[in-house]
Amino acid sequence: MRRVGVAWACLAAAIVAGSGCSIKKMAIGGLADSLAAGGTVFASDDDIELIRDAVPFSLKTLESLLAEVPEHPGLLLSACSGFTQYAYAFVQLDAEILEPTDFERAQEQRARARRRYLRARDYCLRRLELRHRGVREALLRDPAAALANATRDEVPALYWTGAAWGSAIAISLDQPEFVANLPAARALMERALALDEAWDRGAIHAAMISIDAVPESAGGSTERARRHFARAVELSSGLAAGPYVTLAASVAVAAQDRAEFERLLEAALAIDPDRDPSTRLANLVAQKRARFLRAQVDALFVEGESR
């Protein structure tokens, strides 16, 4: 946080003094580097609503800087990951919670989440374009070939591009133009998985649960989704609530296995968010969803359909 404050001071001084373009660019570059370096301030917070209020300003700050340094790789990745996480935690989840009581408002929120995911995807595609010119079009033509030259240091960009794109598709399964892009989202995640399957303590495997939970007609596989779940739990040492909630909401509901659904949600809620401060906020968000899903159990399962 101190480095960010210094960078802001430099930027302000350069602008106020009218010190010339080169000094201003230097100040902007310093601030861009500081913000892109990030930290765990948001991720470790224990107040979801505080972060909900704080994140939009941070995201607009990133976008303002990108207007000045449009090819800054760190800022592009930060904007991509930031908009993706914001869309999930504070827009899509709101839509899911609203749906039982206010369907129209839920649809508005879901459309808003989709727009944020697509904005995030576009920032990450710009990040990938810095090394792989034409990658957007290549991903639509031949996804696997488009990423053949991606390297291990690009795993974060591959992951967040796939997460943003895949999330937009997941809330748009009734729109063929989105479903048609599922192979691109899958290829991004699969390439990241091939390069570093343990990255961020199993985050790629956790994301693949949702991708493989889609119907078989769209390329999904319940068996693969369960394998990704098991590996995500292993790599996170059982301290991540997200994989449990994702498997419950996708695979268990689709199979109408109420007993597994309830067991998975209880496992997610039993995780202590304070055990790993770096994932505290993510676990609190996942547990918020788990509590909502548990309250909807009677609506999600046909009476008597439990294995």
Foldseek 3Di string as FASTA:
>chain_A
DVQLVVLVVQLVVCVVVVVDDVSNVVSLVSNLVVVLVPDLPPQLDQDLVVCLVVLVVSLVVLVVSCVVVVQDLSSLLCNLQSLLVSLVLPQLLVLVLCCVPPVVVSVVSLVVSLVSLVVSLVSLVSSVCVPQPPLVVVLLVPQQVSCVPPAQVCLSSLLSNLSSLVSSLLSPVVPVVSLSSLSNSVNSLVVSCVRPCCPPQLPSLLSVLSSQLPDVVSVHDNVSSVVSLVSSCVSNVLQALSSLLSCLVRVCLVQLALVSNVVSLVSLLPHDLVVDSSNNNVSVSSNVSSVSCVVCSPVSHDPPRHD
